[in-house]
Amino acid sequence: MSAEQSGEEQRRSPRRPAGWRVIVKSPSKGLLKGRIENASAQGLLLELEQSLEKGETLVLRIEVLFSGKRWEFICQAIVRHNVFRTSSFLAGLEINKIGAKDAKFLHDFSFGLI
């Protein structure tokens, strides 16, 4: 296998499109509304109207809509990278604190088990 693997091959789990609404509590920006573009077992891609500080620890309240069911869960994540879009920002997050039930959902969701 090549020493230079693509980003997707280096991932511990696959990404899957999500489209979930989220409220973010940022130490530097306060409360923000956003959207989870995609999710994996270990991370999230968050779309916001403002940029976040790399390395910042966030608290997220995510509203999941999946298979006709709606629920919320709370997790903590670290900002690993930011990308500027034309009218918004994307932040790659690594989840570092999450409940066991919610972690199992993200794992099963990202691997297409559900």
Protein backbone atom coordinates (compact mmCIF):
# COMPACT_ATOMS: atom_id res chain seq x y z
CA MET A 1 0.00 0.00 0.00
CA SER A 2 1.27 3.47 -0.85
CA ALA A 3 2.71 5.64 1.93
CA GLU A 4 0.58 8.49 0.60
CA GLN A 5 -3.01 7.38 1.09
CA SER A 6 -6.00 9.49 0.20
CA GLY A 7 -7.92 11.18 3.04
CA GLU A 8 -10.79 8.69 2.81
CA GLU A 9 -8.41 5.70 3.02
CA GLN A 10 -6.72 7.14 6.12
CA ARG A 11 -10.03 7.50 7.96
CA ARG A 12 -10.89 5.14 10.77
CA SER A 13 -14.52 5.08 9.62
CA PRO A 14 -16.35 6.27 6.49
CA ARG A 15 -18.22 9.56 6.21
CA ARG A 16 -21.92 9.63 5.41
CA PRO A 17 -24.08 12.65 4.44
CA ALA A 18 -26.18 13.80 7.40
CA GLY A 19 -27.88 17.22 7.00
CA TRP A 20 -28.67 17.53 10.73
CA ARG A 21 -29.26 20.83 12.50
CA VAL A 22 -26.93 21.73 15.34
CA ILE A 23 -26.45 24.38 18.01
CA VAL A 24 -22.81 24.96 18.85
CA LYS A 25 -21.44 26.44 22.07
CA SER A 26 -18.07 27.97 21.27
CA PRO A 27 -15.83 29.57 23.93
CA SER A 28 -14.75 32.25 21.42
CA LYS A 29 -18.01 32.84 19.47
CA GLY A 30 -20.82 31.96 21.91
CA LEU A 31 -23.92 30.12 20.64
CA LEU A 32 -24.13 29.46 16.89
CA LYS A 33 -26.56 27.62 14.65
CA GLY A 34 -25.22 25.32 12.00
CA ARG A 35 -25.65 22.12 10.05
CA ILE A 36 -23.82 18.80 10.14
CA GLU A 37 -22.91 18.11 6.50
CA ASN A 38 -21.56 14.62 7.10
CA ALA A 39 -20.78 12.33 10.01
CA SER A 40 -18.49 9.44 10.83
CA ALA A 41 -17.99 7.42 13.99
CA GLN A 42 -15.22 9.78 15.17
CA GLY A 43 -16.02 13.12 13.60
CA LEU A 44 -18.35 15.60 11.97
CA LEU A 45 -18.18 18.17 9.19
CA LEU A 46 -19.95 21.29 10.42
CA GLU A 47 -21.20 24.16 8.26
CA LEU A 48 -21.48 27.58 9.94
CA GLU A 49 -21.71 31.24 9.01
CA GLN A 50 -18.56 32.01 11.06
CA SER A 51 -15.11 30.49 11.28
CA LEU A 52 -14.03 28.68 14.46
CA GLU A 53 -10.61 28.58 16.09
CA LYS A 54 -8.51 25.50 15.28
CA GLY A 55 -8.03 23.45 18.47
CA GLU A 56 -11.09 24.97 20.13
CA THR A 57 -13.31 22.57 22.13
CA LEU A 58 -17.02 22.88 21.34
CA VAL A 59 -20.21 21.54 22.86
CA LEU A 60 -22.78 20.51 20.25
CA ARG A 61 -26.50 19.79 20.54
CA ILE A 62 -27.33 17.84 17.39
CA GLU A 63 -30.88 17.28 16.18
CA VAL A 64 -30.94 13.99 14.29
CA LEU A 65 -33.65 13.16 11.78
CA PHE A 66 -33.21 9.57 10.64
CA SER A 67 -35.65 6.85 9.50
CA GLY A 68 -38.64 9.01 10.36
CA LYS A 69 -37.46 9.55 13.94
CA ARG A 70 -36.20 12.77 15.51
CA TRP A 71 -34.05 13.07 18.62
CA GLU A 72 -31.19 15.14 20.01
CA PHE A 73 -27.85 14.27 21.49
CA ILE A 74 -25.05 16.28 23.03
CA CYS A 75 -21.36 15.74 22.41
CA GLN A 76 -18.05 17.54 22.75
CA ALA A 77 -15.67 17.96 19.82
CA ILE A 78 -12.39 19.63 18.90
CA VAL A 79 -11.99 21.78 15.78
CA ARG A 80 -9.32 20.13 13.61
CA HIS A 81 -9.56 22.29 10.47
CA ASN A 82 -11.52 25.12 8.81
CA VAL A 83 -12.42 25.65 5.16
CA PHE A 84 -13.85 28.86 3.70
CA ARG A 85 -16.73 28.47 1.24
CA THR A 86 -18.32 31.20 -0.83
CA SER A 87 -20.93 32.08 1.80
CA SER A 88 -20.11 29.87 4.79
CA PHE A 89 -17.38 28.00 6.67
CA LEU A 90 -16.80 24.29 7.12
CA ALA A 91 -15.15 22.96 10.26
CA GLY A 92 -13.83 19.45 10.59
CA LEU A 93 -14.49 18.22 14.12
CA GLU A 94 -13.11 15.27 16.06
CA ILE A 95 -15.54 13.98 18.70
CA ASN A 96 -13.85 13.57 22.06
CA LYS A 97 -16.82 13.10 24.41
CA ILE A 98 -20.11 11.37 23.59
CA GLY A 99 -22.58 9.04 25.28
CA ALA A 100 -22.32 5.31 24.54
CA LYS A 101 -25.74 5.11 22.87
CA ASP A 102 -24.99 8.09 20.61
CA ALA A 103 -21.51 6.75 19.77
CA LYS A 104 -23.06 3.44 18.73
CA PHE A 105 -25.58 5.29 16.52
CA LEU A 106 -22.79 7.26 14.79
CA HIS A 107 -20.76 4.09 14.27
CA ASP A 108 -23.70 2.16 12.82
CA PHE A 109 -24.78 5.19 10.74
CA SER A 110 -21.32 5.81 9.24
CA PHE A 111 -20.78 2.16 8.33
CA GLY A 112 -24.29 1.91 6.79
CA LEU A 113 -25.44 -0.70 9.29
CA ILE A 114 -28.66 1.24 9.80
